[in-house]
PDB file of all heavy atoms in Angstrom:
ATOM      1  N   ALA A   1      15.554  -7.554 -30.705  1.00  0.00           N
ATOM      2  CA  ALA A   1      16.394  -6.495 -30.169  1.00  0.00           C
ATOM      3  C   ALA A   1      17.079  -5.725 -31.283  1.00  0.00           C
ATOM      4  O   ALA A   1      17.173  -6.181 -32.422  1.00  0.00           O
ATOM      5  CB  ALA A   1      17.437  -7.067 -29.214  1.00  0.00           C
ATOM      6  N   TRP A   2      17.563  -4.552 -30.914  1.00  0.00           N
ATOM      7  CA  TRP A   2      18.409  -3.746 -31.774  1.00  0.00           C
ATOM      8  C   TRP A   2      19.761  -3.545 -31.101  1.00  0.00           C
ATOM      9  O   TRP A   2      19.820  -3.230 -29.908  1.00  0.00           O
ATOM     10  CB  TRP A   2      17.782  -2.379 -32.063  1.00  0.00           C
ATOM     11  CG  TRP A   2      16.569  -2.430 -32.930  1.00  0.00           C
ATOM     12  CD1 TRP A   2      15.272  -2.492 -32.525  1.00  0.00           C
ATOM     13  CD2 TRP A   2      16.548  -2.400 -34.365  1.00  0.00           C
ATOM     14  NE1 TRP A   2      14.436  -2.509 -33.618  1.00  0.00           N
ATOM     15  CE2 TRP A   2      15.196  -2.457 -34.761  1.00  0.00           C
ATOM     16  CE3 TRP A   2      17.535  -2.335 -35.348  1.00  0.00           C
ATOM     17  CZ2 TRP A   2      14.810  -2.445 -36.104  1.00  0.00           C
ATOM     18  CZ3 TRP A   2      17.154  -2.325 -36.672  1.00  0.00           C
ATOM     19  CH2 TRP A   2      15.804  -2.382 -37.035  1.00  0.00           C
ATOM     20  N   PHE A   3      20.818  -3.719 -31.878  1.00  0.00           N
ATOM     21  CA  PHE A   3      22.181  -3.404 -31.477  1.00  0.00           C
ATOM     22  C   PHE A   3      22.777  -2.441 -32.489  1.00  0.00           C
ATOM     23  O   PHE A   3      22.255  -2.278 -33.597  1.00  0.00           O
ATOM     24  CB  PHE A   3      23.044  -4.664 -31.396  1.00  0.00           C
ATOM     25  CG  PHE A   3      22.691  -5.579 -30.263  1.00  0.00           C
ATOM     26  CD1 PHE A   3      21.612  -6.441 -30.350  1.00  0.00           C
ATOM     27  CD2 PHE A   3      23.447  -5.584 -29.099  1.00  0.00           C
ATOM     28  CE1 PHE A   3      21.285  -7.289 -29.307  1.00  0.00           C
ATOM     29  CE2 PHE A   3      23.135  -6.427 -28.049  1.00  0.00           C
ATOM     30  CZ  PHE A   3      22.054  -7.279 -28.150  1.00  0.00           C
ATOM     31  N   ARG A   4      23.869  -1.825 -32.117  1.00  0.00           N
ATOM     32  CA  ARG A   4      24.561  -0.952 -33.057  1.00  0.00           C
ATOM     33  C   ARG A   4      26.066  -1.032 -32.829  1.00  0.00           C
ATOM     34  O   ARG A   4      26.530  -1.373 -31.748  1.00  0.00           O
ATOM     35  CB  ARG A   4      24.090   0.496 -32.930  1.00  0.00           C
ATOM     36  CG  ARG A   4      24.462   1.170 -31.622  1.00  0.00           C
ATOM     37  CD  ARG A   4      23.824   2.549 -31.520  1.00  0.00           C
ATOM     38  NE  ARG A   4      24.240   3.251 -30.321  1.00  0.00           N
ATOM     39  CZ  ARG A   4      23.761   4.429 -29.933  1.00  0.00           C
ATOM     40  NH1 ARG A   4      22.834   5.041 -30.666  1.00  0.00           N
ATOM     41  NH2 ARG A   4      24.200   5.000 -28.819  1.00  0.00           N
ATOM     42  N   GLU A   5      26.817  -0.715 -33.853  1.00  0.00           N
ATOM     43  CA  GLU A   5      28.256  -0.671 -33.729  1.00  0.00           C
ATOM     44  C   GLU A   5      28.832   0.274 -34.768  1.00  0.00           C
ATOM     45  O   GLU A   5      28.243   0.507 -35.827  1.00  0.00           O
ATOM     46  CB  GLU A   5      28.882  -2.056 -33.864  1.00  0.00           C
ATOM     47  CG  GLU A   5      28.722  -2.701 -35.220  1.00  0.00           C
ATOM     48  CD  GLU A   5      29.358  -4.077 -35.259  1.00  0.00           C
ATOM     49  OE1 GLU A   5      28.908  -4.962 -34.501  1.00  0.00           O
ATOM     50  OE2 GLU A   5      30.310  -4.267 -36.040  1.00  0.00           O
ATOM     51  N   SER A   6      29.987   0.824 -34.446  1.00  0.00           N
ATOM     52  CA  SER A   6      30.700   1.718 -35.335  1.00  0.00           C
ATOM     53  C   SER A   6      32.188   1.462 -35.183  1.00  0.00           C
ATOM     54  O   SER A   6      32.610   0.640 -34.365  1.00  0.00           O
ATOM     55  CB  SER A   6      30.360   3.179 -35.031  1.00  0.00           C
ATOM     56  OG  SER A   6      30.861   3.570 -33.770  1.00  0.00           O
ATOM     57  N   ARG A   7      32.978   2.183 -35.966  1.00  0.00           N
ATOM     58  CA  ARG A   7      34.424   2.025 -35.866  1.00  0.00           C
ATOM     59  C   ARG A   7      34.963   2.479 -34.520  1.00  0.00           C
ATOM     60  O   ARG A   7      36.027   2.030 -34.095  1.00  0.00           O
ATOM     61  CB  ARG A   7      35.105   2.791 -36.994  1.00  0.00           C
ATOM     62  CG  ARG A   7      34.815   2.227 -38.372  1.00  0.00           C
ATOM     63  CD  ARG A   7      35.516   3.023 -39.450  1.00  0.00           C
ATOM     64  NE  ARG A   7      35.246   2.485 -40.775  1.00  0.00           N
ATOM     65  CZ  ARG A   7      35.711   2.982 -41.905  1.00  0.00           C
ATOM     66  NH1 ARG A   7      36.484   4.067 -41.863  1.00  0.00           N
ATOM     67  NH2 ARG A   7      35.406   2.427 -43.059  1.00  0.00           N
ATOM     68  N   LYS A   8      34.252   3.343 -33.847  1.00  0.00           N
ATOM     69  CA  LYS A   8      34.696   3.869 -32.561  1.00  0.00           C
ATOM     70  C   LYS A   8      33.996   3.227 -31.369  1.00  0.00           C
ATOM     71  O   LYS A   8      34.377   3.465 -30.223  1.00  0.00           O
ATOM     72  CB  LYS A   8      34.479   5.387 -32.513  1.00  0.00           C
ATOM     73  CG  LYS A   8      35.259   6.149 -33.570  1.00  0.00           C
ATOM     74  CD  LYS A   8      35.170   7.647 -33.350  1.00  0.00           C
ATOM     75  CE  LYS A   8      33.761   8.151 -33.544  1.00  0.00           C
ATOM     76  NZ  LYS A   8      33.696   9.639 -33.425  1.00  0.00           N
ATOM     77  N   GLN A   9      32.973   2.435 -31.631  1.00  0.00           N
ATOM     78  CA  GLN A   9      32.194   1.835 -30.553  1.00  0.00           C
ATOM     79  C   GLN A   9      31.916   0.373 -30.876  1.00  0.00           C
ATOM     80  O   GLN A   9      31.369   0.057 -31.934  1.00  0.00           O
ATOM     81  CB  GLN A   9      30.884   2.593 -30.360  1.00  0.00           C
ATOM     82  CG  GLN A   9      29.954   1.989 -29.320  1.00  0.00           C
ATOM     83  CD  GLN A   9      30.502   2.093 -27.917  1.00  0.00           C
ATOM     84  OE1 GLN A   9      30.881   3.165 -27.461  1.00  0.00           O
ATOM     85  NE2 GLN A   9      30.562   0.959 -27.222  1.00  0.00           N
ATOM     86  N   ALA A  10      32.272  -0.507 -29.966  1.00  0.00           N
ATOM     87  CA  ALA A  10      31.971  -1.925 -30.129  1.00  0.00           C
ATOM     88  C   ALA A  10      30.471  -2.154 -30.072  1.00  0.00           C
ATOM     89  O   ALA A  10      29.709  -1.283 -29.647  1.00  0.00           O
ATOM     90  CB  ALA A  10      32.689  -2.737 -29.059  1.00  0.00           C
ATOM     91  N   ARG A  11      30.070  -3.336 -30.488  1.00  0.00           N
ATOM     92  CA  ARG A  11      28.647  -3.634 -30.537  1.00  0.00           C
ATOM     93  C   ARG A  11      27.970  -3.318 -29.211  1.00  0.00           C
ATOM     94  O   ARG A  11      28.387  -3.783 -28.146  1.00  0.00           O
ATOM     95  CB  ARG A  11      28.423  -5.086 -30.919  1.00  0.00           C
ATOM     96  CG  ARG A  11      26.954  -5.420 -31.163  1.00  0.00           C
ATOM     97  CD  ARG A  11      26.793  -6.708 -31.949  1.00  0.00           C
ATOM     98  NE  ARG A  11      27.381  -6.603 -33.280  1.00  0.00           N
ATOM     99  CZ  ARG A  11      27.264  -7.516 -34.226  1.00  0.00           C
ATOM    100  NH1 ARG A  11      26.574  -8.633 -33.987  1.00  0.00           N
ATOM    101  NH2 ARG A  11      27.844  -7.346 -35.400  1.00  0.00           N
ATOM    102  N   GLU A  12      26.907  -2.539 -29.288  1.00  0.00           N
ATOM    103  CA  GLU A  12      26.262  -1.968 -28.124  1.00  0.00           C
ATOM    104  C   GLU A  12      24.774  -2.280 -28.143  1.00  0.00           C
ATOM    105  O   GLU A  12      24.110  -2.155 -29.177  1.00  0.00           O
ATOM    106  CB  GLU A  12      26.480  -0.449 -28.104  1.00  0.00           C
ATOM    107  CG  GLU A  12      25.758   0.289 -26.990  1.00  0.00           C
ATOM    108  CD  GLU A  12      25.845   1.794 -27.157  1.00  0.00           C
ATOM    109  OE1 GLU A  12      26.011   2.260 -28.309  1.00  0.00           O
ATOM    110  OE2 GLU A  12      25.763   2.507 -26.141  1.00  0.00           O
ATOM    111  N   PHE A  13      24.259  -2.662 -27.009  1.00  0.00           N
ATOM    112  CA  PHE A  13      22.831  -2.900 -26.871  1.00  0.00           C
ATOM    113  C   PHE A  13      22.065  -1.589 -26.961  1.00  0.00           C
ATOM    114  O   PHE A  13      22.416  -0.605 -26.302  1.00  0.00           O
ATOM    115  CB  PHE A  13      22.541  -3.580 -25.532  1.00  0.00           C
ATOM    116  CG  PHE A  13      21.088  -3.642 -25.183  1.00  0.00           C
ATOM    117  CD1 PHE A  13      20.238  -4.521 -25.836  1.00  0.00           C
ATOM    118  CD2 PHE A  13      20.560  -2.832 -24.196  1.00  0.00           C
ATOM    119  CE1 PHE A  13      18.892  -4.587 -25.516  1.00  0.00           C
ATOM    120  CE2 PHE A  13      19.222  -2.888 -23.865  1.00  0.00           C
ATOM    121  CZ  PHE A  13      18.389  -3.769 -24.531  1.00  0.00           C
ATOM    122  N   VAL A  14      21.011  -1.582 -27.776  1.00  0.00           N
ATOM    123  CA  VAL A  14      20.177  -0.402 -27.947  1.00  0.00           C
ATOM    124  C   VAL A  14      18.824  -0.584 -27.274  1.00  0.00           C
ATOM    125  O   VAL A  14      18.420   0.223 -26.428  1.00  0.00           O
ATOM    126  CB  VAL A  14      19.988  -0.062 -29.434  1.00  0.00           C
ATOM    127  CG1 VAL A  14      19.034   1.118 -29.595  1.00  0.00           C
ATOM    128  CG2 VAL A  14      21.330   0.237 -30.085  1.00  0.00           C
ATOM    129  N   SER A  15      18.120  -1.650 -27.652  1.00  0.00           N
ATOM    130  CA  SER A  15      16.781  -1.861 -27.117  1.00  0.00           C
ATOM    131  C   SER A  15      16.336  -3.288 -27.377  1.00  0.00           C
ATOM    132  O   SER A  15      16.846  -3.960 -28.270  1.00  0.00           O
ATOM    133  CB  SER A  15      15.788  -0.880 -27.756  1.00  0.00           C
ATOM    134  OG  SER A  15      14.504  -0.994 -27.167  1.00  0.00           O
ATOM    135  N   VAL A  16      15.362  -3.751 -26.601  1.00  0.00           N
ATOM    136  CA  VAL A  16      14.800  -5.082 -26.767  1.00  0.00           C
ATOM    137  C   VAL A  16      13.322  -5.049 -26.433  1.00  0.00           C
ATOM    138  O   VAL A  16      12.884  -4.265 -25.578  1.00  0.00           O
ATOM    139  CB  VAL A  16      15.535  -6.119 -25.879  1.00  0.00           C
ATOM    140  CG1 VAL A  16      15.362  -5.789 -24.393  1.00  0.00           C
ATOM    141  CG2 VAL A  16      15.059  -7.533 -26.177  1.00  0.00           C
ATOM    142  N   ILE A  17      12.564  -5.888 -27.110  1.00  0.00           N
ATOM    143  CA  ILE A  17      11.176  -6.136 -26.752  1.00  0.00           C
ATOM    144  C   ILE A  17      11.017  -7.642 -26.629  1.00  0.00           C
ATOM    145  O   ILE A  17      11.285  -8.389 -27.563  1.00  0.00           O
ATOM    146  CB  ILE A  17      10.189  -5.509 -27.765  1.00  0.00           C
ATOM    147  CG1 ILE A  17       8.743  -5.744 -27.315  1.00  0.00           C
ATOM    148  CG2 ILE A  17      10.427  -6.021 -29.180  1.00  0.00           C
ATOM    149  CD1 ILE A  17       7.740  -4.859 -28.052  1.00  0.00           C
ATOM    150  N   THR A  18      10.593  -8.091 -25.454  1.00  0.00           N
ATOM    151  CA  THR A  18      10.513  -9.518 -25.190  1.00  0.00           C
ATOM    152  C   THR A  18       9.239 -10.106 -25.758  1.00  0.00           C
ATOM    153  O   THR A  18       8.224  -9.424 -25.910  1.00  0.00           O
ATOM    154  CB  THR A  18      10.573  -9.799 -23.683  1.00  0.00           C
ATOM    155  OG1 THR A  18       9.405  -9.264 -23.044  1.00  0.00           O
ATOM    156  CG2 THR A  18      11.813  -9.180 -23.057  1.00  0.00           C
ATOM    157  N   TRP A  19       9.294 -11.400 -26.086  1.00  0.00           N
ATOM    158  CA  TRP A  19       8.085 -12.083 -26.506  1.00  0.00           C
ATOM    159  C   TRP A  19       7.127 -12.240 -25.330  1.00  0.00           C
ATOM    160  O   TRP A  19       5.932 -11.977 -25.455  1.00  0.00           O
ATOM    161  CB  TRP A  19       8.398 -13.444 -27.112  1.00  0.00           C
ATOM    162  CG  TRP A  19       7.156 -14.238 -27.357  1.00  0.00           C
ATOM    163  CD1 TRP A  19       6.723 -15.329 -26.677  1.00  0.00           C
ATOM    164  CD2 TRP A  19       6.168 -13.962 -28.357  1.00  0.00           C
ATOM    165  NE1 TRP A  19       5.527 -15.767 -27.184  1.00  0.00           N
ATOM    166  CE2 TRP A  19       5.158 -14.951 -28.222  1.00  0.00           C
ATOM    167  CE3 TRP A  19       6.034 -12.999 -29.352  1.00  0.00           C
ATOM    168  CZ2 TRP A  19       4.042 -14.988 -29.037  1.00  0.00           C
ATOM    169  CZ3 TRP A  19       4.917 -13.028 -30.165  1.00  0.00           C
ATOM    170  CH2 TRP A  19       3.936 -14.022 -30.002  1.00  0.00           C
ATOM    171  N   THR A  20       7.640 -12.689 -24.209  1.00  0.00           N
ATOM    172  CA  THR A  20       6.828 -12.881 -23.021  1.00  0.00           C
ATOM    173  C   THR A  20       6.554 -11.535 -22.365  1.00  0.00           C
ATOM    174  O   THR A  20       7.461 -10.907 -21.795  1.00  0.00           O
ATOM    175  CB  THR A  20       7.527 -13.819 -22.030  1.00  0.00           C
ATOM    176  OG1 THR A  20       7.805 -15.066 -22.671  1.00  0.00           O
ATOM    177  CG2 THR A  20       6.645 -14.067 -20.820  1.00  0.00           C
ATOM    178  N   GLY A  21       5.318 -11.088 -22.460  1.00  0.00           N
ATOM    179  CA  GLY A  21       4.911  -9.843 -21.832  1.00  0.00           C
ATOM    180  C   GLY A  21       5.188  -8.590 -22.634  1.00  0.00           C
ATOM    181  O   GLY A  21       4.756  -7.501 -22.234  1.00  0.00           O
ATOM    182  N   SER A  22       5.903  -8.714 -23.741  1.00  0.00           N
ATOM    183  CA  SER A  22       6.261  -7.563 -24.575  1.00  0.00           C
ATOM    184  C   SER A  22       6.904  -6.451 -23.748  1.00  0.00           C
ATOM    185  O   SER A  22       6.626  -5.260 -23.939  1.00  0.00           O
ATOM    186  CB  SER A  22       5.033  -7.034 -25.321  1.00  0.00           C
ATOM    187  OG  SER A  22       4.569  -7.984 -26.260  1.00  0.00           O
ATOM    188  N   ASN A  23       7.754  -6.832 -22.822  1.00  0.00           N
ATOM    189  CA  ASN A  23       8.472  -5.846 -22.025  1.00  0.00           C
ATOM    190  C   ASN A  23       9.568  -5.195 -22.855  1.00  0.00           C
ATOM    191  O   ASN A  23      10.187  -5.843 -23.704  1.00  0.00           O
ATOM    192  CB  ASN A  23       9.082  -6.508 -20.790  1.00  0.00           C
ATOM    193  CG  ASN A  23       8.028  -7.106 -19.883  1.00  0.00           C
ATOM    194  OD1 ASN A  23       7.024  -6.472 -19.571  1.00  0.00           O
ATOM    195  ND2 ASN A  23       8.251  -8.339 -19.453  1.00  0.00           N
ATOM    196  N   THR A  24       9.806  -3.930 -22.603  1.00  0.00           N
ATOM    197  CA  THR A  24      10.816  -3.186 -23.341  1.00  0.00           C
ATOM    198  C   THR A  24      11.892  -2.665 -22.402  1.00  0.00           C
ATOM    199  O   THR A  24      11.613  -2.246 -21.273  1.00  0.00           O
ATOM    200  CB  THR A  24      10.190  -2.014 -24.110  1.00  0.00           C
ATOM    201  OG1 THR A  24       9.528  -1.137 -23.190  1.00  0.00           O
ATOM    202  CG2 THR A  24       9.177  -2.527 -25.122  1.00  0.00           C
ATOM    203  N   TYR A  25      13.130  -2.671 -22.895  1.00  0.00           N
ATOM    204  CA  TYR A  25      14.266  -2.172 -22.150  1.00  0.00           C
ATOM    205  C   TYR A  25      15.181  -1.423 -23.115  1.00  0.00           C
ATOM    206  O   TYR A  25      15.222  -1.726 -24.310  1.00  0.00           O
ATOM    207  CB  TYR A  25      15.026  -3.305 -21.462  1.00  0.00           C
ATOM    208  CG  TYR A  25      14.173  -4.091 -20.510  1.00  0.00           C
ATOM    209  CD1 TYR A  25      13.538  -5.255 -20.932  1.00  0.00           C
ATOM    210  CD2 TYR A  25      13.987  -3.676 -19.200  1.00  0.00           C
ATOM    211  CE1 TYR A  25      12.736  -5.982 -20.070  1.00  0.00           C
ATOM    212  CE2 TYR A  25      13.191  -4.396 -18.329  1.00  0.00           C
ATOM    213  CZ  TYR A  25      12.570  -5.546 -18.768  1.00  0.00           C
ATOM    214  OH  TYR A  25      11.780  -6.261 -17.896  1.00  0.00           O
ATOM    215  N   TYR A  26      15.938  -0.474 -22.563  1.00  0.00           N
ATOM    216  CA  TYR A  26      16.762   0.389 -23.389  1.00  0.00           C
ATOM    217  C   TYR A  26      18.139   0.565 -22.779  1.00  0.00           C
ATOM    218  O   TYR A  26      18.303   0.578 -21.557  1.00  0.00           O
ATOM    219  CB  TYR A  26      16.116   1.765 -23.554  1.00  0.00           C
ATOM    220  CG  TYR A  26      14.767   1.703 -24.220  1.00  0.00           C
ATOM    221  CD1 TYR A  26      13.613   1.558 -23.472  1.00  0.00           C
ATOM    222  CD2 TYR A  26      14.657   1.788 -25.603  1.00  0.00           C
ATOM    223  CE1 TYR A  26      12.366   1.489 -24.090  1.00  0.00           C
ATOM    224  CE2 TYR A  26      13.421   1.725 -26.221  1.00  0.00           C
ATOM    225  CZ  TYR A  26      12.284   1.576 -25.462  1.00  0.00           C
ATOM    226  OH  TYR A  26      11.053   1.503 -26.073  1.00  0.00           O
ATOM    227  N   GLY A  27      19.115   0.716 -23.655  1.00  0.00           N
ATOM    228  CA  GLY A  27      20.430   1.087 -23.193  1.00  0.00           C
ATOM    229  C   GLY A  27      20.428   2.505 -22.640  1.00  0.00           C
ATOM    230  O   GLY A  27      19.622   3.351 -23.042  1.00  0.00           O
ATOM    231  N   ASP A  28      21.331   2.757 -21.708  1.00  0.00           N
ATOM    232  CA  ASP A  28      21.353   4.058 -21.050  1.00  0.00           C
ATOM    233  C   ASP A  28      21.533   5.213 -22.029  1.00  0.00           C
ATOM    234  O   ASP A  28      21.000   6.305 -21.816  1.00  0.00           O
ATOM    235  CB  ASP A  28      22.462   4.096 -20.003  1.00  0.00           C
ATOM    236  CG  ASP A  28      22.169   3.211 -18.812  1.00  0.00           C
ATOM    237  OD1 ASP A  28      20.986   2.885 -18.584  1.00  0.00           O
ATOM    238  OD2 ASP A  28      23.125   2.852 -18.097  1.00  0.00           O
ATOM    239  N   SER A  29      22.274   4.989 -23.091  1.00  0.00           N
ATOM    240  CA  SER A  29      22.579   6.067 -24.012  1.00  0.00           C
ATOM    241  C   SER A  29      21.391   6.492 -24.863  1.00  0.00           C
ATOM    242  O   SER A  29      21.423   7.577 -25.452  1.00  0.00           O
ATOM    243  CB  SER A  29      23.748   5.674 -24.924  1.00  0.00           C
ATOM    244  OG  SER A  29      23.408   4.552 -25.720  1.00  0.00           O
ATOM    245  N   VAL A  30      20.349   5.672 -24.945  1.00  0.00           N
ATOM    246  CA  VAL A  30      19.202   5.989 -25.788  1.00  0.00           C
ATOM    247  C   VAL A  30      17.911   6.111 -25.006  1.00  0.00           C
ATOM    248  O   VAL A  30      16.880   6.491 -25.584  1.00  0.00           O
ATOM    249  CB  VAL A  30      19.023   4.950 -26.912  1.00  0.00           C
ATOM    250  CG1 VAL A  30      20.311   4.802 -27.713  1.00  0.00           C
ATOM    251  CG2 VAL A  30      18.587   3.601 -26.348  1.00  0.00           C
ATOM    252  N   LYS A  31      17.934   5.815 -23.735  1.00  0.00           N
ATOM    253  CA  LYS A  31      16.726   5.851 -22.920  1.00  0.00           C
ATOM    254  C   LYS A  31      16.103   7.243 -22.950  1.00  0.00           C
ATOM    255  O   LYS A  31      16.789   8.250 -22.775  1.00  0.00           O
ATOM    256  CB  LYS A  31      17.045   5.438 -21.486  1.00  0.00           C
ATOM    257  CG  LYS A  31      15.827   5.256 -20.593  1.00  0.00           C
ATOM    258  CD  LYS A  31      16.230   4.745 -19.215  1.00  0.00           C
ATOM    259  CE  LYS A  31      16.896   3.380 -19.306  1.00  0.00           C
ATOM    260  NZ  LYS A  31      17.233   2.847 -17.956  1.00  0.00           N
TER     261      LYS A  31
END
């Protein structure tokens, strides 16, 4: 997975790719 954080934003989920099935999901802000 990828996460991101800044001084103005707490750690936020960006995207993930699963091992099982290689499914991908995205945070709403980057979809």
